[in-house]
């Protein structure tokens, strides 16, 4: 899954450049305001890396344990 919003793009860039840190921001989608949190999806086992390496849509084929594979986005409506 590719990032769809500017906040998702900013968040993925941030978590890749700042290992161990999460990204938080408010955003408006449509006419609703959301709190968005982005957490690193880290390869915690060899099977994580191999699955991402073998996936047809993966941007890379050299992931290893400990690498950031992408991000988990959690969005909570505000108000």
N, C-alpha and C. Protein backbone atom coordinates (compact mmCIF):
# COMPACT_ATOMS: atom_id res chain seq x y z
N UNK A 1 0.83 -1.17 0.00
CA UNK A 1 0.00 0.00 0.00
C UNK A 1 0.88 1.24 0.00
N UNK A 2 0.61 2.11 -0.90
CA UNK A 2 1.37 3.35 -0.98
C UNK A 2 0.69 4.43 -0.13
N UNK A 3 1.46 5.41 0.34
CA UNK A 3 0.84 6.50 1.10
C UNK A 3 -0.13 7.27 0.20
N UNK A 4 -1.27 7.66 0.79
CA UNK A 4 -2.30 8.34 0.00
C UNK A 4 -2.42 9.81 0.30
N UNK A 5 -2.11 10.20 1.54
CA UNK A 5 -2.27 11.62 1.91
C UNK A 5 -0.90 12.24 2.16
N UNK A 6 -0.87 13.56 2.21
CA UNK A 6 0.39 14.26 2.51
C UNK A 6 0.90 13.87 3.89
N UNK A 7 -0.01 13.70 4.86
CA UNK A 7 0.40 13.33 6.21
C UNK A 7 1.02 11.93 6.20
N UNK A 8 0.46 11.00 5.45
CA UNK A 8 1.04 9.66 5.35
C UNK A 8 2.44 9.73 4.73
N UNK A 9 2.60 10.53 3.69
CA UNK A 9 3.91 10.68 3.04
C UNK A 9 4.93 11.29 4.01
N UNK A 10 4.52 12.36 4.71
CA UNK A 10 5.41 13.01 5.68
C UNK A 10 5.77 12.03 6.80
N UNK A 11 4.77 11.30 7.28
CA UNK A 11 4.98 10.37 8.37
C UNK A 11 5.93 9.24 8.02
N UNK A 12 5.77 8.66 6.84
CA UNK A 12 6.67 7.58 6.41
C UNK A 12 8.10 8.08 6.27
N UNK A 13 8.24 9.28 5.73
CA UNK A 13 9.58 9.86 5.61
C UNK A 13 10.18 10.07 7.00
N UNK A 14 9.37 10.58 7.94
CA UNK A 14 9.85 10.85 9.29
C UNK A 14 10.28 9.57 10.01
N UNK A 15 9.45 8.53 9.97
CA UNK A 15 9.82 7.31 10.71
C UNK A 15 11.03 6.62 10.10
N UNK A 16 11.23 6.78 8.80
CA UNK A 16 12.43 6.21 8.18
C UNK A 16 13.69 6.97 8.56
N UNK A 17 13.56 8.28 8.72
CA UNK A 17 14.71 9.12 9.05
C UNK A 17 14.97 9.20 10.55
N UNK A 18 14.01 8.76 11.37
CA UNK A 18 14.12 8.87 12.83
C UNK A 18 13.73 7.54 13.48
N UNK A 19 14.57 6.52 13.34
CA UNK A 19 14.24 5.20 13.89
C UNK A 19 13.88 5.28 15.38
N UNK A 20 12.83 4.54 15.74
CA UNK A 20 12.39 4.50 17.12
C UNK A 20 11.41 5.59 17.49
N UNK A 21 11.17 6.54 16.58
CA UNK A 21 10.22 7.61 16.86
C UNK A 21 8.95 7.42 16.03
N UNK A 22 7.85 7.90 16.56
CA UNK A 22 6.57 7.84 15.87
C UNK A 22 6.20 9.22 15.35
N UNK A 23 5.21 9.27 14.49
CA UNK A 23 4.80 10.53 13.87
C UNK A 23 3.33 10.78 14.20
N UNK A 24 3.02 11.99 14.64
CA UNK A 24 1.66 12.35 15.01
C UNK A 24 1.29 13.68 14.37
N UNK A 25 0.08 13.76 13.84
CA UNK A 25 -0.37 15.01 13.24
C UNK A 25 -1.89 14.99 13.10
N UNK A 26 -2.47 16.18 13.09
CA UNK A 26 -3.89 16.30 12.79
C UNK A 26 -4.02 16.60 11.30
N UNK A 27 -5.08 16.06 10.69
CA UNK A 27 -5.32 16.32 9.27
C UNK A 27 -6.82 16.38 9.02
N UNK A 28 -7.18 17.04 7.94
CA UNK A 28 -8.58 17.14 7.54
C UNK A 28 -8.73 16.32 6.26
N UNK A 29 -9.67 15.39 6.30
CA UNK A 29 -10.00 14.57 5.14
C UNK A 29 -11.49 14.74 4.87
N UNK A 30 -11.81 15.22 3.68
CA UNK A 30 -13.20 15.57 3.41
C UNK A 30 -13.54 16.76 4.28
N UNK A 31 -14.54 16.61 5.10
CA UNK A 31 -14.91 17.70 6.01
C UNK A 31 -14.71 17.29 7.47
N UNK A 32 -13.91 16.24 7.70
CA UNK A 32 -13.67 15.76 9.06
C UNK A 32 -12.21 15.93 9.45
N UNK A 33 -12.02 16.25 10.74
CA UNK A 33 -10.67 16.39 11.28
C UNK A 33 -10.29 15.09 11.99
N UNK A 34 -9.04 14.67 11.79
CA UNK A 34 -8.54 13.42 12.35
C UNK A 34 -7.21 13.63 13.07
N UNK A 35 -6.99 12.84 14.11
CA UNK A 35 -5.66 12.68 14.71
C UNK A 35 -5.08 11.47 14.02
N UNK A 36 -3.89 11.63 13.43
CA UNK A 36 -3.25 10.54 12.70
C UNK A 36 -1.92 10.20 13.36
N UNK A 37 -1.73 8.92 13.61
CA UNK A 37 -0.48 8.42 14.18
C UNK A 37 0.12 7.42 13.20
N UNK A 38 1.44 7.52 13.00
CA UNK A 38 2.12 6.59 12.11
C UNK A 38 3.28 5.96 12.87
N UNK A 39 3.25 4.63 12.88
CA UNK A 39 4.26 3.83 13.58
C UNK A 39 5.02 2.98 12.58
N UNK A 40 6.30 2.77 12.82
CA UNK A 40 7.11 1.94 11.94
C UNK A 40 6.65 0.49 12.00
N UNK A 41 6.58 -0.14 10.85
CA UNK A 41 6.33 -1.57 10.74
C UNK A 41 7.70 -2.21 10.54
N UNK A 42 8.24 -2.77 11.61
CA UNK A 42 9.61 -3.29 11.62
C UNK A 42 9.60 -4.80 11.41
N UNK A 43 10.53 -5.29 10.62
CA UNK A 43 10.68 -6.73 10.43
C UNK A 43 11.26 -7.32 11.71
N UNK A 44 10.42 -8.00 12.47
CA UNK A 44 10.84 -8.56 13.75
C UNK A 44 11.26 -10.02 13.64
N UNK A 45 11.03 -10.63 12.50
CA UNK A 45 11.39 -12.03 12.28
C UNK A 45 11.76 -12.21 10.80
N UNK A 46 12.54 -13.23 10.50
CA UNK A 46 12.92 -13.46 9.10
C UNK A 46 11.72 -13.58 8.16
N UNK A 47 10.63 -14.17 8.63
CA UNK A 47 9.46 -14.32 7.76
C UNK A 47 8.88 -12.98 7.35
N UNK A 48 8.98 -11.96 8.21
CA UNK A 48 8.50 -10.61 7.86
C UNK A 48 9.27 -10.08 6.65
N UNK A 49 10.59 -10.17 6.74
CA UNK A 49 11.43 -9.66 5.65
C UNK A 49 11.22 -10.46 4.38
N UNK A 50 11.17 -11.78 4.48
CA UNK A 50 11.03 -12.59 3.27
C UNK A 50 9.68 -12.36 2.59
N UNK A 51 8.63 -12.18 3.37
CA UNK A 51 7.31 -11.91 2.78
C UNK A 51 7.34 -10.59 2.01
N UNK A 52 7.90 -9.55 2.61
CA UNK A 52 7.99 -8.26 1.93
C UNK A 52 8.91 -8.34 0.71
N UNK A 53 10.00 -9.07 0.83
CA UNK A 53 10.93 -9.22 -0.29
C UNK A 53 10.28 -9.93 -1.48
N UNK A 54 9.39 -10.86 -1.20
CA UNK A 54 8.78 -11.67 -2.26
C UNK A 54 7.47 -11.10 -2.80
N UNK A 55 6.93 -10.07 -2.14
CA UNK A 55 5.65 -9.50 -2.58
C UNK A 55 5.81 -8.79 -3.91
N UNK A 56 4.88 -9.02 -4.81
CA UNK A 56 4.98 -8.46 -6.16
C UNK A 56 5.00 -6.94 -6.21
N UNK A 57 4.42 -6.27 -5.22
CA UNK A 57 4.38 -4.80 -5.21
C UNK A 57 5.43 -4.16 -4.32
N UNK A 58 6.34 -4.96 -3.78
CA UNK A 58 7.35 -4.43 -2.87
C UNK A 58 8.34 -3.54 -3.61
N UNK A 59 8.69 -2.40 -3.01
CA UNK A 59 9.67 -1.52 -3.65
C UNK A 59 11.10 -2.03 -3.51
N UNK A 60 11.30 -3.04 -2.64
CA UNK A 60 12.64 -3.58 -2.40
C UNK A 60 12.58 -5.11 -2.31
N UNK A 61 13.73 -5.73 -2.48
CA UNK A 61 13.83 -7.18 -2.33
C UNK A 61 14.97 -7.57 -1.41
N UNK A 62 15.46 -6.60 -0.62
CA UNK A 62 16.61 -6.88 0.25
C UNK A 62 16.34 -6.56 1.72
N UNK A 63 15.07 -6.60 2.16
CA UNK A 63 14.75 -6.35 3.56
C UNK A 63 15.37 -7.44 4.43
N UNK A 64 15.74 -7.03 5.66
CA UNK A 64 16.25 -7.99 6.63
C UNK A 64 15.67 -7.65 8.00
N UNK A 65 15.83 -8.56 8.95
CA UNK A 65 15.31 -8.35 10.30
C UNK A 65 15.84 -7.02 10.84
N UNK A 66 14.94 -6.23 11.42
CA UNK A 66 15.30 -4.93 11.97
C UNK A 66 15.01 -3.78 11.04
N UNK A 67 14.81 -4.04 9.75
CA UNK A 67 14.51 -2.97 8.79
C UNK A 67 13.07 -2.48 8.95
N UNK A 68 12.85 -1.22 8.61
CA UNK A 68 11.50 -0.67 8.57
C UNK A 68 10.90 -1.07 7.23
N UNK A 69 9.79 -1.80 7.30
CA UNK A 69 9.13 -2.30 6.09
C UNK A 69 8.11 -1.33 5.53
N UNK A 70 7.65 -0.44 6.37
CA UNK A 70 6.61 0.52 6.01
C UNK A 70 6.08 1.14 7.27
N UNK A 71 4.82 1.52 7.23
CA UNK A 71 4.23 2.14 8.41
C UNK A 71 2.83 1.66 8.67
N UNK A 72 2.43 1.75 9.93
CA UNK A 72 1.06 1.46 10.34
C UNK A 72 0.40 2.80 10.63
N UNK A 73 -0.70 3.08 9.96
CA UNK A 73 -1.39 4.35 10.11
C UNK A 73 -2.66 4.11 10.94
N UNK A 74 -2.80 4.89 12.01
CA UNK A 74 -3.99 4.86 12.82
C UNK A 74 -4.60 6.26 12.80
N UNK A 75 -5.86 6.32 12.42
CA UNK A 75 -6.54 7.61 12.25
C UNK A 75 -7.79 7.60 13.12
N UNK A 76 -7.89 8.62 13.99
CA UNK A 76 -9.02 8.73 14.91
C UNK A 76 -9.75 10.04 14.63
N UNK A 77 -11.07 9.98 14.38
CA UNK A 77 -11.81 11.22 14.14
C UNK A 77 -11.84 12.10 15.41
N UNK A 78 -11.73 13.39 15.22
CA UNK A 78 -11.77 14.35 16.32
C UNK A 78 -13.11 15.07 16.31
N UNK A 79 -13.55 15.44 17.50
CA UNK A 79 -14.78 16.22 17.61
C UNK A 79 -15.96 15.37 17.49
